[in-house]
Amino acid sequence: MTKLANRERTSSWKELLNNLRTRGLHGVQLAISDDHAGLGWAIRKVLPEATRQRCYVHFLHNAPDYLPRKANDDFTLELRWLYARRKVEEARRDLAARLKKWNQRYPRLCVWKRSKGEP
């Protein structure tokens, strides 16, 4: 059965996830999504056992909005390098160092990143 939602509303996301639960979805450990507030709320309510992670592609797409155009390529290259880390401790350490570096040149980016609940 296919259902369409005509808006990305909190209620639509909740209905979608509840429908998936009704059809047998269970044991969700990780939900990866964009930064849509309504989707995040629905995941927390309907899939409380799941950890939510911000989609890497969406993050890379949104971050340049907080940078001067000439910085996009260098920033993207550095950020991709951070995402290649295999151990969370390394990633957090390297991210903290990058944020310290970027804060001097790109304070809007760092304020935005921290407002998203990321280190």
PDB file of N, CA and C in Angstrom:
ATOM      1  N   MET A   1       0.845  -1.172   0.000  1.00  0.00           N
ATOM      2  CA  MET A   1       0.000   0.000   0.000  1.00  0.00           C
ATOM      3  C   MET A   1       0.893   1.239   0.000  1.00  0.00           C
ATOM      4  N   THR A   2       0.648   2.152  -0.897  1.00  0.00           N
ATOM      5  CA  THR A   2       1.391   3.399  -0.991  1.00  0.00           C
ATOM      6  C   THR A   2       0.558   4.531  -0.440  1.00  0.00           C
ATOM      7  N   LYS A   3       1.183   5.329   0.418  1.00  0.00           N
ATOM      8  CA  LYS A   3       0.518   6.506   0.960  1.00  0.00           C
ATOM      9  C   LYS A   3       1.393   7.710   0.662  1.00  0.00           C
ATOM     10  N   LEU A   4       0.771   8.793   0.322  1.00  0.00           N
ATOM     11  CA  LEU A   4       1.496  10.020   0.058  1.00  0.00           C
ATOM     12  C   LEU A   4       1.135  11.064   1.104  1.00  0.00           C
ATOM     13  N   ALA A   5       2.120  11.833   1.486  1.00  0.00           N
ATOM     14  CA  ALA A   5       1.881  12.968   2.375  1.00  0.00           C
ATOM     15  C   ALA A   5       2.170  14.220   1.560  1.00  0.00           C
ATOM     16  N   ASN A   6       1.299  15.192   1.643  1.00  0.00           N
ATOM     17  CA  ASN A   6       1.496  16.367   0.821  1.00  0.00           C
ATOM     18  C   ASN A   6       2.365  17.429   1.503  1.00  0.00           C
ATOM     19  N   ARG A   7       2.785  17.163   2.722  1.00  0.00           N
ATOM     20  CA  ARG A   7       3.639  18.117   3.428  1.00  0.00           C
ATOM     21  C   ARG A   7       4.627  17.365   4.314  1.00  0.00           C
ATOM     22  N   GLU A   8       5.734  18.023   4.596  1.00  0.00           N
ATOM     23  CA  GLU A   8       6.696  17.465   5.549  1.00  0.00           C
ATOM     24  C   GLU A   8       6.361  18.009   6.930  1.00  0.00           C
ATOM     25  N   ARG A   9       5.248  17.580   7.461  1.00  0.00           N
ATOM     26  CA  ARG A   9       4.804  18.025   8.777  1.00  0.00           C
ATOM     27  C   ARG A   9       5.141  16.958   9.801  1.00  0.00           C
ATOM     28  N   THR A  10       5.216  17.385  11.038  1.00  0.00           N
ATOM     29  CA  THR A  10       5.482  16.447  12.129  1.00  0.00           C
ATOM     30  C   THR A  10       4.467  15.309  12.114  1.00  0.00           C
ATOM     31  N   SER A  11       3.210  15.659  11.920  1.00  0.00           N
ATOM     32  CA  SER A  11       2.166  14.625  11.914  1.00  0.00           C
ATOM     33  C   SER A  11       2.347  13.639  10.763  1.00  0.00           C
ATOM     34  N   SER A  12       2.803  14.122   9.619  1.00  0.00           N
ATOM     35  CA  SER A  12       3.042  13.227   8.479  1.00  0.00           C
ATOM     36  C   SER A  12       4.178  12.256   8.763  1.00  0.00           C
ATOM     37  N   TRP A  13       5.258  12.766   9.358  1.00  0.00           N
ATOM     38  CA  TRP A  13       6.381  11.893   9.687  1.00  0.00           C
ATOM     39  C   TRP A  13       5.971  10.856  10.736  1.00  0.00           C
ATOM     40  N   LYS A  14       5.225  11.306  11.741  1.00  0.00           N
ATOM     41  CA  LYS A  14       4.770  10.381  12.784  1.00  0.00           C
ATOM     42  C   LYS A  14       3.883   9.299  12.181  1.00  0.00           C
ATOM     43  N   GLU A  15       2.977   9.697  11.308  1.00  0.00           N
ATOM     44  CA  GLU A  15       2.095   8.725  10.646  1.00  0.00           C
ATOM     45  C   GLU A  15       2.901   7.729   9.828  1.00  0.00           C
ATOM     46  N   LEU A  16       3.891   8.200   9.089  1.00  0.00           N
ATOM     47  CA  LEU A  16       4.734   7.315   8.287  1.00  0.00           C
ATOM     48  C   LEU A  16       5.437   6.288   9.170  1.00  0.00           C
ATOM     49  N   LEU A  17       6.061   6.753  10.242  1.00  0.00           N
ATOM     50  CA  LEU A  17       6.792   5.832  11.111  1.00  0.00           C
ATOM     51  C   LEU A  17       5.856   4.865  11.839  1.00  0.00           C
ATOM     52  N   ASN A  18       4.708   5.357  12.273  1.00  0.00           N
ATOM     53  CA  ASN A  18       3.726   4.457  12.899  1.00  0.00           C
ATOM     54  C   ASN A  18       3.241   3.405  11.911  1.00  0.00           C
ATOM     55  N   ASN A  19       3.056   3.798  10.665  1.00  0.00           N
ATOM     56  CA  ASN A  19       2.633   2.860   9.626  1.00  0.00           C
ATOM     57  C   ASN A  19       3.697   1.780   9.430  1.00  0.00           C
ATOM     58  N   LEU A  20       4.961   2.176   9.431  1.00  0.00           N
ATOM     59  CA  LEU A  20       6.041   1.194   9.300  1.00  0.00           C
ATOM     60  C   LEU A  20       6.059   0.238  10.497  1.00  0.00           C
ATOM     61  N   ARG A  21       5.811   0.764  11.695  1.00  0.00           N
ATOM     62  CA  ARG A  21       5.734  -0.081  12.901  1.00  0.00           C
ATOM     63  C   ARG A  21       4.600  -1.097  12.760  1.00  0.00           C
ATOM     64  N   THR A  22       3.444  -0.619  12.307  1.00  0.00           N
ATOM     65  CA  THR A  22       2.278  -1.488  12.133  1.00  0.00           C
ATOM     66  C   THR A  22       2.584  -2.606  11.139  1.00  0.00           C
ATOM     67  N   ARG A  23       3.398  -2.297  10.140  1.00  0.00           N
ATOM     68  CA  ARG A  23       3.742  -3.287   9.115  1.00  0.00           C
ATOM     69  C   ARG A  23       4.905  -4.189   9.528  1.00  0.00           C
ATOM     70  N   GLY A  24       5.395  -4.028  10.775  1.00  0.00           N
ATOM     71  CA  GLY A  24       6.386  -4.970  11.279  1.00  0.00           C
ATOM     72  C   GLY A  24       7.769  -4.414  11.562  1.00  0.00           C
ATOM     73  N   LEU A  25       7.988  -3.139  11.362  1.00  0.00           N
ATOM     74  CA  LEU A  25       9.298  -2.572  11.656  1.00  0.00           C
ATOM     75  C   LEU A  25       9.572  -2.662  13.158  1.00  0.00           C
ATOM     76  N   HIS A  26      10.733  -3.195  13.502  1.00  0.00           N
ATOM     77  CA  HIS A  26      11.120  -3.274  14.910  1.00  0.00           C
ATOM     78  C   HIS A  26      12.636  -3.379  15.015  1.00  0.00           C
ATOM     79  N   GLY A  27      13.140  -3.135  16.207  1.00  0.00           N
ATOM     80  CA  GLY A  27      14.580  -3.273  16.443  1.00  0.00           C
ATOM     81  C   GLY A  27      15.435  -2.191  15.803  1.00  0.00           C
ATOM     82  N   VAL A  28      14.864  -1.042  15.545  1.00  0.00           N
ATOM     83  CA  VAL A  28      15.631   0.036  14.906  1.00  0.00           C
ATOM     84  C   VAL A  28      16.652   0.570  15.906  1.00  0.00           C
ATOM     85  N   GLN A  29      17.907   0.540  15.528  1.00  0.00           N
ATOM     86  CA  GLN A  29      18.968   1.029  16.401  1.00  0.00           C
ATOM     87  C   GLN A  29      19.496   2.389  15.960  1.00  0.00           C
ATOM     88  N   LEU A  30      19.429   2.673  14.667  1.00  0.00           N
ATOM     89  CA  LEU A  30      19.988   3.909  14.136  1.00  0.00           C
ATOM     90  C   LEU A  30      19.076   4.457  13.050  1.00  0.00           C
ATOM     91  N   ALA A  31      18.723   5.726  13.188  1.00  0.00           N
ATOM     92  CA  ALA A  31      17.933   6.414  12.159  1.00  0.00           C
ATOM     93  C   ALA A  31      18.770   7.576  11.645  1.00  0.00           C
ATOM     94  N   ILE A  32      19.055   7.568  10.367  1.00  0.00           N
ATOM     95  CA  ILE A  32      19.857   8.624   9.754  1.00  0.00           C
ATOM     96  C   ILE A  32      18.919   9.482   8.922  1.00  0.00           C
ATOM     97  N   SER A  33      18.944  10.792   9.195  1.00  0.00           N
ATOM     98  CA  SER A  33      18.007  11.679   8.511  1.00  0.00           C
ATOM     99  C   SER A  33      18.615  13.058   8.319  1.00  0.00           C
ATOM    100  N   ASP A  34      17.895  13.879   7.561  1.00  0.00           N
ATOM    101  CA  ASP A  34      18.288  15.276   7.453  1.00  0.00           C
ATOM    102  C   ASP A  34      17.938  15.962   8.772  1.00  0.00           C
ATOM    103  N   ASP A  35      18.046  17.261   8.805  1.00  0.00           N
ATOM    104  CA  ASP A  35      17.871  17.992  10.061  1.00  0.00           C
ATOM    105  C   ASP A  35      16.447  18.516  10.242  1.00  0.00           C
ATOM    106  N   HIS A  36      15.483  17.928   9.586  1.00  0.00           N
ATOM    107  CA  HIS A  36      14.098  18.369   9.690  1.00  0.00           C
ATOM    108  C   HIS A  36      13.596  18.144  11.122  1.00  0.00           C
ATOM    109  N   ALA A  37      13.154  19.221  11.768  1.00  0.00           N
ATOM    110  CA  ALA A  37      12.734  19.138  13.175  1.00  0.00           C
ATOM    111  C   ALA A  37      11.572  18.170  13.377  1.00  0.00           C
ATOM    112  N   GLY A  38      10.603  18.190  12.484  1.00  0.00           N
ATOM    113  CA  GLY A  38       9.446  17.308  12.612  1.00  0.00           C
ATOM    114  C   GLY A  38       9.817  15.845  12.492  1.00  0.00           C
ATOM    115  N   LEU A  39      10.739  15.540  11.600  1.00  0.00           N
ATOM    116  CA  LEU A  39      11.194  14.159  11.451  1.00  0.00           C
ATOM    117  C   LEU A  39      11.951  13.723  12.700  1.00  0.00           C
ATOM    118  N   GLY A  40      12.790  14.598  13.231  1.00  0.00           N
ATOM    119  CA  GLY A  40      13.514  14.275  14.462  1.00  0.00           C
ATOM    120  C   GLY A  40      12.569  13.988  15.612  1.00  0.00           C
ATOM    121  N   TRP A  41      11.537  14.808  15.743  1.00  0.00           N
ATOM    122  CA  TRP A  41      10.544  14.611  16.807  1.00  0.00           C
ATOM    123  C   TRP A  41       9.847  13.264  16.629  1.00  0.00           C
ATOM    124  N   ALA A  42       9.434  12.967  15.396  1.00  0.00           N
ATOM    125  CA  ALA A  42       8.723  11.708  15.126  1.00  0.00           C
ATOM    126  C   ALA A  42       9.611  10.496  15.423  1.00  0.00           C
ATOM    127  N   ILE A  43      10.885  10.584  15.070  1.00  0.00           N
ATOM    128  CA  ILE A  43      11.804   9.479  15.362  1.00  0.00           C
ATOM    129  C   ILE A  43      11.907   9.275  16.865  1.00  0.00           C
ATOM    130  N   ARG A  44      12.046  10.357  17.626  1.00  0.00           N
ATOM    131  CA  ARG A  44      12.147  10.235  19.086  1.00  0.00           C
ATOM    132  C   ARG A  44      10.882   9.641  19.697  1.00  0.00           C
ATOM    133  N   LYS A  45       9.715   9.986  19.155  1.00  0.00           N
ATOM    134  CA  LYS A  45       8.452   9.502  19.718  1.00  0.00           C
ATOM    135  C   LYS A  45       8.127   8.074  19.301  1.00  0.00           C
ATOM    136  N   VAL A  46       8.314   7.765  18.028  1.00  0.00           N
ATOM    137  CA  VAL A  46       7.887   6.464  17.501  1.00  0.00           C
ATOM    138  C   VAL A  46       8.994   5.407  17.587  1.00  0.00           C
ATOM    139  N   LEU A  47      10.240   5.843  17.518  1.00  0.00           N
ATOM    140  CA  LEU A  47      11.379   4.923  17.581  1.00  0.00           C
ATOM    141  C   LEU A  47      12.309   5.317  18.730  1.00  0.00           C
ATOM    142  N   PRO A  48      11.804   5.336  19.949  1.00  0.00           N
ATOM    143  CA  PRO A  48      12.615   5.861  21.054  1.00  0.00           C
ATOM    144  C   PRO A  48      13.886   5.063  21.325  1.00  0.00           C
ATOM    145  N   GLU A  49      13.927   3.828  20.861  1.00  0.00           N
ATOM    146  CA  GLU A  49      15.111   2.998  21.067  1.00  0.00           C
ATOM    147  C   GLU A  49      16.229   3.339  20.081  1.00  0.00           C
ATOM    148  N   ALA A  50      15.922   4.110  19.059  1.00  0.00           N
ATOM    149  CA  ALA A  50      16.889   4.418  18.002  1.00  0.00           C
ATOM    150  C   ALA A  50      17.703   5.668  18.328  1.00  0.00           C
ATOM    151  N   THR A  51      18.953   5.621  17.961  1.00  0.00           N
ATOM    152  CA  THR A  51      19.814   6.797  17.998  1.00  0.00           C
ATOM    153  C   THR A  51      19.648   7.494  16.651  1.00  0.00           C
ATOM    154  N   ARG A  52      19.573   8.798  16.681  1.00  0.00           N
ATOM    155  CA  ARG A  52      19.428   9.553  15.433  1.00  0.00           C
ATOM    156  C   ARG A  52      20.756  10.194  15.071  1.00  0.00           C
ATOM    157  N   GLN A  53      21.121  10.054  13.814  1.00  0.00           N
ATOM    158  CA  GLN A  53      22.354  10.641  13.302  1.00  0.00           C
ATOM    159  C   GLN A  53      22.031  11.568  12.145  1.00  0.00           C
ATOM    160  N   ARG A  54      22.685  12.686  12.113  1.00  0.00           N
ATOM    161  CA  ARG A  54      22.520  13.640  11.017  1.00  0.00           C
ATOM    162  C   ARG A  54      23.143  13.065   9.754  1.00  0.00           C
ATOM    163  N   CYS A  55      22.440  13.135   8.660  1.00  0.00           N
ATOM    164  CA  CYS A  55      22.929  12.631   7.375  1.00  0.00           C
ATOM    165  C   CYS A  55      24.153  13.430   6.930  1.00  0.00           C
ATOM    166  N   TYR A  56      25.195  12.728   6.621  1.00  0.00           N
ATOM    167  CA  TYR A  56      26.460  13.308   6.185  1.00  0.00           C
ATOM    168  C   TYR A  56      26.278  14.152   4.928  1.00  0.00           C
ATOM    169  N   VAL A  57      25.538  13.645   3.969  1.00  0.00           N
ATOM    170  CA  VAL A  57      25.335  14.365   2.703  1.00  0.00           C
ATOM    171  C   VAL A  57      24.567  15.660   2.934  1.00  0.00           C
ATOM    172  N   HIS A  58      23.514  15.599   3.757  1.00  0.00           N
ATOM    173  CA  HIS A  58      22.754  16.816   4.053  1.00  0.00           C
ATOM    174  C   HIS A  58      23.612  17.826   4.807  1.00  0.00           C
ATOM    175  N   PHE A  59      24.433  17.335   5.733  1.00  0.00           N
ATOM    176  CA  PHE A  59      25.309  18.240   6.461  1.00  0.00           C
ATOM    177  C   PHE A  59      26.282  18.924   5.504  1.00  0.00           C
ATOM    178  N   LEU A  60      26.901  18.153   4.617  1.00  0.00           N
ATOM    179  CA  LEU A  60      27.834  18.736   3.641  1.00  0.00           C
ATOM    180  C   LEU A  60      27.128  19.732   2.726  1.00  0.00           C
ATOM    181  N   HIS A  61      25.873  19.482   2.458  1.00  0.00           N
ATOM    182  CA  HIS A  61      25.101  20.383   1.606  1.00  0.00           C
ATOM    183  C   HIS A  61      24.771  21.697   2.334  1.00  0.00           C
ATOM    184  N   ASN A  62      24.464  21.617   3.634  1.00  0.00           N
ATOM    185  CA  ASN A  62      24.054  22.800   4.398  1.00  0.00           C
ATOM    186  C   ASN A  62      25.216  23.642   4.906  1.00  0.00           C
ATOM    187  N   ALA A  63      26.313  23.023   5.278  1.00  0.00           N
ATOM    188  CA  ALA A  63      27.421  23.749   5.911  1.00  0.00           C
ATOM    189  C   ALA A  63      27.959  24.912   5.078  1.00  0.00           C
ATOM    190  N   PRO A  64      28.116  24.792   3.769  1.00  0.00           N
ATOM    191  CA  PRO A  64      28.656  25.922   3.000  1.00  0.00           C
ATOM    192  C   PRO A  64      27.820  27.192   3.067  1.00  0.00           C
ATOM    193  N   ASP A  65      26.568  27.095   3.497  1.00  0.00           N
ATOM    194  CA  ASP A  65      25.750  28.301   3.663  1.00  0.00           C
ATOM    195  C   ASP A  65      26.355  29.234   4.706  1.00  0.00           C
ATOM    196  N   TYR A  66      27.224  28.708   5.547  1.00  0.00           N
ATOM    197  CA  TYR A  66      27.816  29.484   6.635  1.00  0.00           C
ATOM    198  C   TYR A  66      29.281  29.827   6.371  1.00  0.00           C
ATOM    199  N   LEU A  67      29.693  29.657   5.135  1.00  0.00           N
ATOM    200  CA  LEU A  67      31.076  29.932   4.746  1.00  0.00           C
ATOM    201  C   LEU A  67      31.123  30.887   3.556  1.00  0.00           C
ATOM    202  N   PRO A  68      32.223  31.618   3.431  1.00  0.00           N
ATOM    203  CA  PRO A  68      32.404  32.359   2.180  1.00  0.00           C
ATOM    204  C   PRO A  68      32.610  31.355   1.044  1.00  0.00           C
ATOM    205  N   ARG A  69      32.162  31.693  -0.146  1.00  0.00           N
ATOM    206  CA  ARG A  69      32.228  30.768  -1.287  1.00  0.00           C
ATOM    207  C   ARG A  69      33.631  30.224  -1.529  1.00  0.00           C
ATOM    208  N   LYS A  70      34.629  31.064  -1.385  1.00  0.00           N
ATOM    209  CA  LYS A  70      36.007  30.627  -1.666  1.00  0.00           C
ATOM    210  C   LYS A  70      36.507  29.565  -0.686  1.00  0.00           C
ATOM    211  N   ALA A  71      35.850  29.408   0.451  1.00  0.00           N
ATOM    212  CA  ALA A  71      36.283  28.432   1.458  1.00  0.00           C
ATOM    213  C   ALA A  71      35.634  27.066   1.284  1.00  0.00           C
ATOM    214  N   ASN A  72      34.638  26.957   0.444  1.00  0.00           N
ATOM    215  CA  ASN A  72      33.873  25.713   0.322  1.00  0.00           C
ATOM    216  C   ASN A  72      34.724  24.475   0.055  1.00  0.00           C
ATOM    217  N   ASP A  73      35.608  24.545  -0.930  1.00  0.00           N
ATOM    218  CA  ASP A  73      36.371  23.354  -1.308  1.00  0.00           C
ATOM    219  C   ASP A  73      37.291  22.884  -0.194  1.00  0.00           C
ATOM    220  N   ASP A  74      38.022  23.818   0.426  1.00  0.00           N
ATOM    221  CA  ASP A  74      38.929  23.437   1.510  1.00  0.00           C
ATOM    222  C   ASP A  74      38.169  22.856   2.687  1.00  0.00           C
ATOM    223  N   PHE A  75      37.070  23.503   3.046  1.00  0.00           N
ATOM    224  CA  PHE A  75      36.265  23.032   4.167  1.00  0.00           C
ATOM    225  C   PHE A  75      35.718  21.632   3.886  1.00  0.00           C
ATOM    226  N   THR A  76      35.154  21.445   2.712  1.00  0.00           N
ATOM    227  CA  THR A  76      34.564  20.148   2.365  1.00  0.00           C
ATOM    228  C   THR A  76      35.617  19.052   2.400  1.00  0.00           C
ATOM    229  N   LEU A  77      36.793  19.329   1.895  1.00  0.00           N
ATOM    230  CA  LEU A  77      37.874  18.351   1.919  1.00  0.00           C
ATOM    231  C   LEU A  77      38.240  17.977   3.362  1.00  0.00           C
ATOM    232  N   GLU A  78      38.376  18.980   4.225  1.00  0.00           N
ATOM    233  CA  GLU A  78      38.706  18.705   5.624  1.00  0.00           C
ATOM    234  C   GLU A  78      37.586  17.930   6.324  1.00  0.00           C
ATOM    235  N   LEU A  79      36.363  18.298   6.039  1.00  0.00           N
ATOM    236  CA  LEU A  79      35.241  17.628   6.692  1.00  0.00           C
ATOM    237  C   LEU A  79      35.136  16.179   6.236  1.00  0.00           C
ATOM    238  N   ARG A  80      35.355  15.922   4.978  1.00  0.00           N
ATOM    239  CA  ARG A  80      35.340  14.529   4.499  1.00  0.00           C
ATOM    240  C   ARG A  80      36.428  13.715   5.176  1.00  0.00           C
ATOM    241  N   TRP A  81      37.576  14.354   5.405  1.00  0.00           N
ATOM    242  CA  TRP A  81      38.672  13.685   6.088  1.00  0.00           C
ATOM    243  C   TRP A  81      38.239  13.314   7.503  1.00  0.00           C
ATOM    244  N   LEU A  82      37.529  14.220   8.188  1.00  0.00           N
ATOM    245  CA  LEU A  82      37.046  13.920   9.538  1.00  0.00           C
ATOM    246  C   LEU A  82      36.074  12.739   9.538  1.00  0.00           C
ATOM    247  N   TYR A  83      35.187  12.708   8.567  1.00  0.00           N
ATOM    248  CA  TYR A  83      34.210  11.621   8.506  1.00  0.00           C
ATOM    249  C   TYR A  83      34.853  10.269   8.208  1.00  0.00           C
ATOM    250  N   ALA A  84      36.087  10.271   7.740  1.00  0.00           N
ATOM    251  CA  ALA A  84      36.779   9.014   7.440  1.00  0.00           C
ATOM    252  C   ALA A  84      37.342   8.360   8.706  1.00  0.00           C
ATOM    253  N   ARG A  85      37.313   9.055   9.820  1.00  0.00           N
ATOM    254  CA  ARG A  85      37.811   8.495  11.076  1.00  0.00           C
ATOM    255  C   ARG A  85      37.013   7.244  11.443  1.00  0.00           C
ATOM    256  N   ARG A  86      37.714   6.243  11.966  1.00  0.00           N
ATOM    257  CA  ARG A  86      37.066   4.984  12.316  1.00  0.00           C
ATOM    258  C   ARG A  86      36.754   4.877  13.802  1.00  0.00           C
ATOM    259  N   LYS A  87      37.426   5.681  14.608  1.00  0.00           N
ATOM    260  CA  LYS A  87      37.193   5.640  16.054  1.00  0.00           C
ATOM    261  C   LYS A  87      36.574   6.959  16.482  1.00  0.00           C
ATOM    262  N   VAL A  88      35.520   6.870  17.273  1.00  0.00           N
ATOM    263  CA  VAL A  88      34.782   8.062  17.679  1.00  0.00           C
ATOM    264  C   VAL A  88      35.679   9.023  18.462  1.00  0.00           C
ATOM    265  N   GLU A  89      36.600   8.494  19.256  1.00  0.00           N
ATOM    266  CA  GLU A  89      37.490   9.356  20.031  1.00  0.00           C
ATOM    267  C   GLU A  89      38.362  10.202  19.103  1.00  0.00           C
ATOM    268  N   GLU A  90      38.885   9.578  18.041  1.00  0.00           N
ATOM    269  CA  GLU A  90      39.694  10.321  17.070  1.00  0.00           C
ATOM    270  C   GLU A  90      38.870  11.396  16.373  1.00  0.00           C
ATOM    271  N   ALA A  91      37.669  11.025  15.997  1.00  0.00           N
ATOM    272  CA  ALA A  91      36.806  11.986  15.294  1.00  0.00           C
ATOM    273  C   ALA A  91      36.487  13.181  16.186  1.00  0.00           C
ATOM    274  N   ARG A  92      36.149  12.920  17.445  1.00  0.00           N
ATOM    275  CA  ARG A  92      35.833  14.020  18.368  1.00  0.00           C
ATOM    276  C   ARG A  92      37.045  14.908  18.606  1.00  0.00           C
ATOM    277  N   ARG A  93      38.197  14.302  18.788  1.00  0.00           N
ATOM    278  CA  ARG A  93      39.431  15.070  19.016  1.00  0.00           C
ATOM    279  C   ARG A  93      39.749  15.939  17.803  1.00  0.00           C
ATOM    280  N   ASP A  94      39.686  15.330  16.628  1.00  0.00           N
ATOM    281  CA  ASP A  94      40.002  16.069  15.407  1.00  0.00           C
ATOM    282  C   ASP A  94      38.953  17.143  15.114  1.00  0.00           C
ATOM    283  N   LEU A  95      37.690  16.839  15.400  1.00  0.00           N
ATOM    284  CA  LEU A  95      36.641  17.826  15.182  1.00  0.00           C
ATOM    285  C   LEU A  95      36.825  19.022  16.109  1.00  0.00           C
ATOM    286  N   ALA A  96      37.155  18.774  17.366  1.00  0.00           N
ATOM    287  CA  ALA A  96      37.392  19.876  18.304  1.00  0.00           C
ATOM    288  C   ALA A  96      38.538  20.753  17.811  1.00  0.00           C
ATOM    289  N   ALA A  97      39.588  20.131  17.296  1.00  0.00           N
ATOM    290  CA  ALA A  97      40.727  20.903  16.768  1.00  0.00           C
ATOM    291  C   ALA A  97      40.311  21.712  15.544  1.00  0.00           C
ATOM    292  N   ARG A  98      39.521  21.113  14.675  1.00  0.00           N
ATOM    293  CA  ARG A  98      39.063  21.831  13.474  1.00  0.00           C
ATOM    294  C   ARG A  98      38.141  22.992  13.843  1.00  0.00           C
ATOM    295  N   LEU A  99      37.234  22.755  14.788  1.00  0.00           N
ATOM    296  CA  LEU A  99      36.328  23.840  15.202  1.00  0.00           C
ATOM    297  C   LEU A  99      37.102  25.006  15.791  1.00  0.00           C
ATOM    298  N   LYS A 100      38.136  24.694  16.554  1.00  0.00           N
ATOM    299  CA  LYS A 100      38.979  25.758  17.117  1.00  0.00           C
ATOM    300  C   LYS A 100      39.635  26.542  15.986  1.00  0.00           C
ATOM    301  N   LYS A 101      40.137  25.823  15.000  1.00  0.00           N
ATOM    302  CA  LYS A 101      40.763  26.468  13.840  1.00  0.00           C
ATOM    303  C   LYS A 101      39.724  27.266  13.041  1.00  0.00           C
ATOM    304  N   TRP A 102      38.599  26.644  12.758  1.00  0.00           N
ATOM    305  CA  TRP A 102      37.566  27.287  11.936  1.00  0.00           C
ATOM    306  C   TRP A 102      36.896  28.452  12.649  1.00  0.00           C
ATOM    307  N   ASN A 103      36.842  28.392  13.982  1.00  0.00           N
ATOM    308  CA  ASN A 103      36.155  29.449  14.724  1.00  0.00           C
ATOM    309  C   ASN A 103      36.773  30.817  14.472  1.00  0.00           C
ATOM    310  N   GLN A 104      38.067  30.858  14.266  1.00  0.00           N
ATOM    311  CA  GLN A 104      38.738  32.129  13.997  1.00  0.00           C
ATOM    312  C   GLN A 104      38.364  32.674  12.617  1.00  0.00           C
ATOM    313  N   ARG A 105      38.250  31.792  11.641  1.00  0.00           N
ATOM    314  CA  ARG A 105      37.968  32.222  10.265  1.00  0.00           C
ATOM    315  C   ARG A 105      36.494  32.167   9.904  1.00  0.00           C
ATOM    316  N   TYR A 106      35.757  31.204  10.482  1.00  0.00           N
ATOM    317  CA  TYR A 106      34.356  30.982  10.104  1.00  0.00           C
ATOM    318  C   TYR A 106      33.472  30.866  11.346  1.00  0.00           C
ATOM    319  N   PRO A 107      33.350  31.919  12.126  1.00  0.00           N
ATOM    320  CA  PRO A 107      32.568  31.822  13.369  1.00  0.00           C
ATOM    321  C   PRO A 107      31.099  31.461  13.133  1.00  0.00           C
ATOM    322  N   ARG A 108      30.513  31.916  12.018  1.00  0.00           N
ATOM    323  CA  ARG A 108      29.099  31.576  11.736  1.00  0.00           C
ATOM    324  C   ARG A 108      28.923  30.070  11.588  1.00  0.00           C
ATOM    325  N   LEU A 109      29.879  29.426  10.953  1.00  0.00           N
ATOM    326  CA  LEU A 109      29.826  27.974  10.784  1.00  0.00           C
ATOM    327  C   LEU A 109      29.856  27.278  12.139  1.00  0.00           C
ATOM    328  N   CYS A 110      30.747  27.701  13.007  1.00  0.00           N
ATOM    329  CA  CYS A 110      30.897  27.046  14.313  1.00  0.00           C
ATOM    330  C   CYS A 110      29.676  27.268  15.184  1.00  0.00           C
ATOM    331  N   VAL A 111      29.107  28.451  15.157  1.00  0.00           N
ATOM    332  CA  VAL A 111      27.883  28.710  15.932  1.00  0.00           C
ATOM    333  C   VAL A 111      26.769  27.815  15.409  1.00  0.00           C
ATOM    334  N   TRP A 112      26.610  27.725  14.083  1.00  0.00           N
ATOM    335  CA  TRP A 112      25.585  26.874  13.484  1.00  0.00           C
ATOM    336  C   TRP A 112      25.798  25.408  13.869  1.00  0.00           C
ATOM    337  N   LYS A 113      27.008  24.930  13.751  1.00  0.00           N
ATOM    338  CA  LYS A 113      27.301  23.523  14.054  1.00  0.00           C
ATOM    339  C   LYS A 113      26.980  23.211  15.502  1.00  0.00           C
ATOM    340  N   ARG A 114      27.375  24.085  16.414  1.00  0.00           N
ATOM    341  CA  ARG A 114      27.088  23.846  17.834  1.00  0.00           C
ATOM    342  C   ARG A 114      25.598  23.938  18.129  1.00  0.00           C
ATOM    343  N   SER A 115      24.879  24.773  17.397  1.00  0.00           N
ATOM    344  CA  SER A 115      23.429  24.892  17.624  1.00  0.00           C
ATOM    345  C   SER A 115      22.703  23.617  17.190  1.00  0.00           C
ATOM    346  N   LYS A 116      23.341  22.799  16.405  1.00  0.00           N
ATOM    347  CA  LYS A 116      22.746  21.550  15.948  1.00  0.00           C
ATOM    348  C   LYS A 116      23.045  20.400  16.914  1.00  0.00           C
ATOM    349  N   GLY A 117      23.618  20.739  18.062  1.00  0.00           N
ATOM    350  CA  GLY A 117      23.885  19.717  19.067  1.00  0.00           C
ATOM    351  C   GLY A 117      25.128  18.914  18.792  1.00  0.00           C
ATOM    352  N   GLU A 118      25.984  19.434  17.965  1.00  0.00           N
ATOM    353  CA  GLU A 118      27.219  18.746  17.650  1.00  0.00           C
ATOM    354  C   GLU A 118      28.352  19.488  18.345  1.00  0.00           C
ATOM    355  N   PRO A 119      29.427  18.804  18.679  1.00  0.00           N
ATOM    356  CA  PRO A 119      30.515  19.421  19.468  1.00  0.00           C
ATOM    357  C   PRO A 119      31.032  20.712  18.890  1.00  0.00           C
TER     358      PRO A 119
END
